[in-house]
Amino acid sequence: MTNAFTPLWETDHPYYCTEGNYYRNGNHLTYDSWTDFQKEWGALDPDLNLVFRWDWQRANPADYAYELEQGEKLPPDTLQVFWVLQRKAILRSTECAITEAEEPAVRAWLTERAAHMRLLWEPLLPGPTA
């Protein structure tokens, strides 16, 4: 059986979202790994911590030509997650280093958040998709 999904790192969302919060410093948190991110954010209530966007970031080797010539490695892939903490109307973002091997876990977690987001927009959306 083949995987019918586009790899998350190949997803290119239209436009972009700036990290953090324009009105308040300190609202972009970084984590060294998917595991560290999951410990803090993985099981939080999706109503109180609403994910509205995600981006899998991968370094473009062309942007690191000099560094690569010097024997340096590309920065790791990262997952950026953008949140609204609804009870307090706080906009924030998180970022963690990830690997392709972690994609199934990342996809499962994001799919749960997408299902929750769909509930909020259900009256305006067509029926469920396969």
N, C-alpha and C. Protein backbone atom coordinates (compact mmCIF):
# COMPACT_ATOMS: atom_id res chain seq x y z
N MET A 1 0.85 -1.18 0.00
CA MET A 1 0.00 0.00 0.00
C MET A 1 0.89 1.24 0.00
N THR A 2 0.53 2.22 -0.80
CA THR A 2 1.32 3.45 -0.86
C THR A 2 0.68 4.53 -0.01
N ASN A 3 1.50 5.44 0.43
CA ASN A 3 1.02 6.55 1.23
C ASN A 3 0.42 7.60 0.30
N ALA A 4 -0.86 7.89 0.46
CA ALA A 4 -1.55 8.85 -0.41
C ALA A 4 -1.35 10.28 0.07
N PHE A 5 -0.68 10.47 1.18
CA PHE A 5 -0.50 11.81 1.74
C PHE A 5 0.74 12.48 1.19
N THR A 6 0.65 13.78 1.03
CA THR A 6 1.84 14.57 0.73
C THR A 6 2.62 14.70 2.03
N PRO A 7 3.92 14.49 2.01
CA PRO A 7 4.70 14.67 3.24
C PRO A 7 4.50 16.08 3.80
N LEU A 8 4.42 16.17 5.10
CA LEU A 8 4.16 17.47 5.73
C LEU A 8 5.22 18.50 5.36
N TRP A 9 6.46 18.07 5.18
CA TRP A 9 7.52 19.03 4.86
C TRP A 9 7.39 19.57 3.44
N GLU A 10 6.52 18.99 2.63
CA GLU A 10 6.28 19.50 1.28
C GLU A 10 5.08 20.43 1.20
N THR A 11 4.40 20.62 2.31
CA THR A 11 3.24 21.51 2.35
C THR A 11 3.71 22.95 2.39
N ASP A 12 3.17 23.75 1.50
CA ASP A 12 3.51 25.17 1.44
C ASP A 12 2.22 25.96 1.61
N HIS A 13 1.98 26.43 2.83
CA HIS A 13 0.76 27.19 3.09
C HIS A 13 0.83 28.56 2.43
N PRO A 14 -0.30 29.05 1.95
CA PRO A 14 -0.29 30.41 1.42
C PRO A 14 -0.01 31.42 2.55
N TYR A 15 0.66 32.45 2.20
CA TYR A 15 1.04 33.51 3.12
C TYR A 15 1.90 32.94 4.24
N TYR A 16 1.98 33.60 5.36
CA TYR A 16 2.81 33.15 6.47
C TYR A 16 2.20 33.68 7.76
N CYS A 17 2.74 33.25 8.87
CA CYS A 17 2.32 33.75 10.17
C CYS A 17 3.60 34.08 10.94
N THR A 18 3.65 35.24 11.51
CA THR A 18 4.81 35.66 12.28
C THR A 18 4.77 35.01 13.66
N GLU A 19 5.94 34.60 14.12
CA GLU A 19 6.04 33.97 15.43
C GLU A 19 5.72 34.96 16.53
N GLY A 20 5.20 34.43 17.63
CA GLY A 20 4.98 35.24 18.82
C GLY A 20 3.70 36.04 18.77
N ASN A 21 3.77 37.22 19.36
CA ASN A 21 2.62 38.09 19.49
C ASN A 21 3.09 39.53 19.27
N TYR A 22 2.50 40.22 18.34
CA TYR A 22 2.88 41.59 17.99
C TYR A 22 2.81 42.53 19.22
N TYR A 23 1.86 42.27 20.11
CA TYR A 23 1.61 43.18 21.23
C TYR A 23 2.32 42.81 22.52
N ARG A 24 2.98 41.65 22.53
CA ARG A 24 3.60 41.21 23.77
C ARG A 24 4.80 40.31 23.47
N ASN A 25 5.93 40.59 24.06
CA ASN A 25 7.13 39.77 23.89
C ASN A 25 7.02 38.48 24.69
N GLY A 26 7.81 37.50 24.30
CA GLY A 26 7.90 36.26 25.06
C GLY A 26 6.86 35.22 24.71
N ASN A 27 6.15 35.39 23.61
CA ASN A 27 5.10 34.43 23.28
C ASN A 27 5.48 33.50 22.14
N HIS A 28 6.77 33.27 21.95
CA HIS A 28 7.25 32.24 21.03
C HIS A 28 8.22 31.37 21.82
N LEU A 29 7.85 30.12 21.98
CA LEU A 29 8.65 29.18 22.75
C LEU A 29 9.30 28.16 21.83
N THR A 30 10.54 27.81 22.09
CA THR A 30 11.25 26.83 21.27
C THR A 30 11.60 25.60 22.11
N TYR A 31 11.63 24.45 21.43
CA TYR A 31 11.93 23.18 22.07
C TYR A 31 12.96 22.45 21.23
N ASP A 32 13.83 21.72 21.89
CA ASP A 32 14.91 21.01 21.20
C ASP A 32 14.43 19.78 20.45
N SER A 33 13.23 19.28 20.79
CA SER A 33 12.76 18.06 20.16
C SER A 33 11.23 17.99 20.19
N TRP A 34 10.71 17.10 19.35
CA TRP A 34 9.28 16.82 19.34
C TRP A 34 8.85 16.27 20.71
N THR A 35 9.68 15.44 21.31
CA THR A 35 9.38 14.87 22.62
C THR A 35 9.23 15.97 23.67
N ASP A 36 10.16 16.93 23.69
CA ASP A 36 10.08 18.03 24.65
C ASP A 36 8.82 18.87 24.41
N PHE A 37 8.52 19.14 23.16
CA PHE A 37 7.31 19.90 22.82
C PHE A 37 6.06 19.15 23.31
N GLN A 38 6.01 17.85 23.04
CA GLN A 38 4.85 17.05 23.43
C GLN A 38 4.64 17.03 24.93
N LYS A 39 5.71 17.01 25.70
CA LYS A 39 5.58 17.00 27.15
C LYS A 39 4.82 18.22 27.65
N GLU A 40 5.05 19.36 27.02
CA GLU A 40 4.42 20.60 27.49
C GLU A 40 3.10 20.92 26.79
N TRP A 41 2.99 20.63 25.50
CA TRP A 41 1.85 21.08 24.71
C TRP A 41 0.98 19.96 24.15
N GLY A 42 1.50 18.74 24.14
CA GLY A 42 0.86 17.66 23.41
C GLY A 42 -0.56 17.30 23.82
N ALA A 43 -0.86 17.33 25.10
CA ALA A 43 -2.16 16.86 25.57
C ALA A 43 -3.06 17.96 26.10
N LEU A 44 -2.74 19.21 25.80
CA LEU A 44 -3.55 20.31 26.32
C LEU A 44 -4.93 20.35 25.68
N ASP A 45 -5.89 20.88 26.41
CA ASP A 45 -7.27 21.00 25.95
C ASP A 45 -7.32 21.83 24.67
N PRO A 46 -7.87 21.27 23.59
CA PRO A 46 -7.89 22.01 22.32
C PRO A 46 -8.83 23.21 22.32
N ASP A 47 -9.77 23.28 23.26
CA ASP A 47 -10.61 24.48 23.35
C ASP A 47 -9.84 25.64 23.97
N LEU A 48 -9.04 25.33 24.97
CA LEU A 48 -8.29 26.38 25.66
C LEU A 48 -7.01 26.73 24.92
N ASN A 49 -6.53 25.83 24.09
CA ASN A 49 -5.26 25.99 23.37
C ASN A 49 -5.50 25.61 21.91
N LEU A 50 -6.14 26.50 21.18
CA LEU A 50 -6.59 26.23 19.82
C LEU A 50 -5.45 26.41 18.82
N VAL A 51 -5.14 25.36 18.09
CA VAL A 51 -4.14 25.42 17.03
C VAL A 51 -4.83 25.94 15.78
N PHE A 52 -4.35 27.06 15.24
CA PHE A 52 -4.96 27.58 14.02
C PHE A 52 -4.05 27.47 12.80
N ARG A 53 -2.79 27.10 13.01
CA ARG A 53 -1.88 26.97 11.87
C ARG A 53 -0.64 26.20 12.30
N TRP A 54 -0.01 25.55 11.34
CA TRP A 54 1.27 24.87 11.54
C TRP A 54 2.09 25.02 10.27
N ASP A 55 3.39 24.98 10.43
CA ASP A 55 4.31 25.03 9.30
C ASP A 55 5.50 24.13 9.59
N TRP A 56 5.79 23.22 8.68
CA TRP A 56 7.00 22.41 8.76
C TRP A 56 8.06 23.19 8.00
N GLN A 57 9.08 23.65 8.68
CA GLN A 57 10.12 24.47 8.08
C GLN A 57 11.35 23.60 7.77
N ARG A 58 11.84 23.74 6.55
CA ARG A 58 13.04 23.02 6.13
C ARG A 58 14.00 24.03 5.50
N ALA A 59 15.25 23.97 5.92
CA ALA A 59 16.25 24.89 5.39
C ALA A 59 16.49 24.63 3.91
N ASN A 60 16.64 25.70 3.16
CA ASN A 60 16.97 25.61 1.74
C ASN A 60 18.49 25.60 1.62
N PRO A 61 19.06 24.53 1.06
CA PRO A 61 20.52 24.46 0.95
C PRO A 61 21.13 25.65 0.21
N ALA A 62 20.41 26.23 -0.72
CA ALA A 62 20.93 27.40 -1.45
C ALA A 62 21.17 28.58 -0.51
N ASP A 63 20.40 28.65 0.56
CA ASP A 63 20.58 29.74 1.53
C ASP A 63 21.76 29.51 2.46
N TYR A 64 22.34 28.32 2.42
CA TYR A 64 23.43 27.96 3.32
C TYR A 64 24.66 27.51 2.54
N ALA A 65 24.83 28.00 1.32
CA ALA A 65 25.94 27.57 0.47
C ALA A 65 27.28 27.78 1.16
N TYR A 66 27.50 28.95 1.75
CA TYR A 66 28.78 29.22 2.40
C TYR A 66 28.99 28.27 3.58
N GLU A 67 27.99 28.13 4.40
CA GLU A 67 28.11 27.26 5.58
C GLU A 67 28.40 25.82 5.16
N LEU A 68 27.72 25.35 4.12
CA LEU A 68 27.95 23.99 3.66
C LEU A 68 29.37 23.82 3.11
N GLU A 69 29.86 24.85 2.41
CA GLU A 69 31.24 24.81 1.92
C GLU A 69 32.24 24.73 3.07
N GLN A 70 31.88 25.30 4.21
CA GLN A 70 32.75 25.30 5.38
C GLN A 70 32.60 24.03 6.22
N GLY A 71 31.79 23.09 5.72
CA GLY A 71 31.62 21.82 6.43
C GLY A 71 30.52 21.82 7.47
N GLU A 72 29.77 22.90 7.56
CA GLU A 72 28.67 22.94 8.52
C GLU A 72 27.47 22.18 7.96
N LYS A 73 26.56 21.82 8.84
CA LYS A 73 25.35 21.11 8.45
C LYS A 73 24.19 22.09 8.35
N LEU A 74 23.18 21.68 7.62
CA LEU A 74 21.95 22.48 7.56
C LEU A 74 21.27 22.47 8.92
N PRO A 75 20.56 23.54 9.27
CA PRO A 75 19.77 23.52 10.51
C PRO A 75 18.72 22.41 10.41
N PRO A 76 18.29 21.89 11.56
CA PRO A 76 17.28 20.83 11.52
C PRO A 76 15.92 21.37 11.05
N ASP A 77 15.08 20.47 10.60
CA ASP A 77 13.70 20.82 10.31
C ASP A 77 13.04 21.24 11.61
N THR A 78 12.08 22.13 11.50
CA THR A 78 11.32 22.54 12.68
C THR A 78 9.83 22.53 12.36
N LEU A 79 9.05 22.33 13.40
CA LEU A 79 7.60 22.44 13.31
C LEU A 79 7.20 23.68 14.08
N GLN A 80 6.58 24.62 13.38
CA GLN A 80 6.03 25.80 14.04
C GLN A 80 4.53 25.57 14.20
N VAL A 81 4.03 25.84 15.39
CA VAL A 81 2.61 25.70 15.69
C VAL A 81 2.13 27.04 16.23
N PHE A 82 1.01 27.49 15.71
CA PHE A 82 0.46 28.79 16.08
C PHE A 82 -0.86 28.57 16.82
N TRP A 83 -0.98 29.24 17.94
CA TRP A 83 -2.05 28.99 18.91
C TRP A 83 -2.82 30.26 19.25
N VAL A 84 -4.07 30.07 19.63
CA VAL A 84 -4.85 31.07 20.35
C VAL A 84 -5.27 30.41 21.65
N LEU A 85 -4.82 30.98 22.75
CA LEU A 85 -5.27 30.52 24.06
C LEU A 85 -6.56 31.29 24.33
N GLN A 86 -7.68 30.66 24.01
CA GLN A 86 -8.95 31.38 23.86
C GLN A 86 -9.47 32.02 25.14
N ARG A 87 -9.28 31.36 26.26
CA ARG A 87 -9.85 31.90 27.50
C ARG A 87 -9.28 33.27 27.83
N LYS A 88 -8.00 33.49 27.50
CA LYS A 88 -7.35 34.77 27.80
C LYS A 88 -7.02 35.56 26.55
N ALA A 89 -7.44 35.08 25.39
CA ALA A 89 -7.18 35.76 24.11
C ALA A 89 -5.69 36.04 23.91
N ILE A 90 -4.88 35.02 24.15
CA ILE A 90 -3.43 35.13 23.98
C ILE A 90 -3.04 34.46 22.67
N LEU A 91 -2.33 35.18 21.84
CA LEU A 91 -1.77 34.63 20.62
C LEU A 91 -0.33 34.25 20.91
N ARG A 92 0.04 33.01 20.57
CA ARG A 92 1.41 32.58 20.81
C ARG A 92 1.81 31.53 19.79
N SER A 93 3.08 31.22 19.77
CA SER A 93 3.58 30.19 18.86
C SER A 93 4.63 29.35 19.56
N THR A 94 4.82 28.15 19.01
CA THR A 94 5.84 27.25 19.51
C THR A 94 6.62 26.72 18.31
N GLU A 95 7.83 26.25 18.58
CA GLU A 95 8.67 25.71 17.52
C GLU A 95 9.54 24.61 18.12
N CYS A 96 9.62 23.49 17.41
CA CYS A 96 10.47 22.40 17.88
C CYS A 96 11.19 21.75 16.72
N ALA A 97 12.36 21.24 17.01
CA ALA A 97 13.11 20.48 16.03
C ALA A 97 12.40 19.15 15.81
N ILE A 98 12.33 18.73 14.53
CA ILE A 98 11.69 17.46 14.20
C ILE A 98 12.47 16.76 13.09
N THR A 99 12.14 15.50 12.91
CA THR A 99 12.76 14.71 11.85
C THR A 99 11.67 14.08 11.00
N GLU A 100 12.05 13.64 9.81
CA GLU A 100 11.10 12.96 8.94
C GLU A 100 10.52 11.73 9.62
N ALA A 101 11.31 11.05 10.42
CA ALA A 101 10.85 9.84 11.11
C ALA A 101 9.71 10.13 12.08
N GLU A 102 9.61 11.39 12.55
CA GLU A 102 8.56 11.77 13.49
C GLU A 102 7.28 12.21 12.79
N GLU A 103 7.30 12.24 11.46
CA GLU A 103 6.13 12.72 10.74
C GLU A 103 4.84 11.98 11.11
N PRO A 104 4.81 10.65 11.23
CA PRO A 104 3.55 10.01 11.59
C PRO A 104 2.96 10.54 12.91
N ALA A 105 3.81 10.74 13.90
CA ALA A 105 3.33 11.26 15.19
C ALA A 105 2.87 12.71 15.04
N VAL A 106 3.62 13.51 14.29
CA VAL A 106 3.24 14.91 14.06
C VAL A 106 1.92 14.96 13.31
N ARG A 107 1.79 14.14 12.27
CA ARG A 107 0.56 14.11 11.48
C ARG A 107 -0.63 13.72 12.34
N ALA A 108 -0.48 12.71 13.17
CA ALA A 108 -1.58 12.27 14.04
C ALA A 108 -2.02 13.40 14.98
N TRP A 109 -1.05 14.06 15.57
CA TRP A 109 -1.36 15.16 16.50
C TRP A 109 -2.04 16.31 15.78
N LEU A 110 -1.51 16.70 14.62
CA LEU A 110 -2.12 17.79 13.86
C LEU A 110 -3.51 17.41 13.36
N THR A 111 -3.72 16.16 13.01
CA THR A 111 -5.03 15.71 12.54
C THR A 111 -6.07 15.86 13.64
N GLU A 112 -5.70 15.57 14.87
CA GLU A 112 -6.62 15.78 16.00
C GLU A 112 -6.98 17.26 16.14
N ARG A 113 -5.98 18.13 15.97
CA ARG A 113 -6.25 19.57 16.08
C ARG A 113 -7.11 20.05 14.91
N ALA A 114 -6.88 19.50 13.72
CA ALA A 114 -7.69 19.87 12.55
C ALA A 114 -9.14 19.46 12.74
N ALA A 115 -9.36 18.29 13.31
CA ALA A 115 -10.73 17.83 13.57
C ALA A 115 -11.43 18.77 14.54
N HIS A 116 -10.70 19.25 15.53
CA HIS A 116 -11.28 20.20 16.48
C HIS A 116 -11.61 21.54 15.79
N MET A 117 -10.70 22.01 14.96
CA MET A 117 -10.95 23.25 14.22
C MET A 117 -12.17 23.10 13.32
N ARG A 118 -12.31 21.92 12.70
CA ARG A 118 -13.45 21.67 11.83
C ARG A 118 -14.77 21.81 12.60
N LEU A 119 -14.80 21.37 13.85
CA LEU A 119 -16.01 21.51 14.66
C LEU A 119 -16.46 22.96 14.75
N LEU A 120 -15.50 23.86 14.85
CA LEU A 120 -15.84 25.28 14.99
C LEU A 120 -16.45 25.86 13.72
N TRP A 121 -16.07 25.31 12.58
CA TRP A 121 -16.52 25.83 11.29
C TRP A 121 -17.56 24.92 10.61
N GLU A 122 -17.97 23.86 11.26
CA GLU A 122 -18.84 22.84 10.68
C GLU A 122 -20.07 23.39 9.95
N PRO A 123 -20.77 24.39 10.49
CA PRO A 123 -21.96 24.86 9.79
C PRO A 123 -21.67 25.44 8.40
N LEU A 124 -20.43 25.81 8.13
CA LEU A 124 -20.09 26.44 6.86
C LEU A 124 -19.35 25.53 5.89
N LEU A 125 -19.00 24.33 6.36
CA LEU A 125 -18.17 23.44 5.54
C LEU A 125 -19.01 22.36 4.87
N PRO A 126 -18.53 21.88 3.72
CA PRO A 126 -19.20 20.74 3.10
C PRO A 126 -19.04 19.51 3.99
N GLY A 127 -19.71 18.44 3.64
CA GLY A 127 -19.65 17.20 4.42
C GLY A 127 -18.23 16.70 4.60
N PRO A 128 -18.06 15.74 5.50
CA PRO A 128 -16.72 15.18 5.76
C PRO A 128 -16.09 14.65 4.48
N THR A 129 -14.79 14.79 4.40
CA THR A 129 -14.04 14.28 3.25
C THR A 129 -13.35 13.00 3.62
N ALA A 130 -13.09 12.18 2.65
CA ALA A 130 -12.44 10.90 2.91
C ALA A 130 -11.00 11.09 3.32
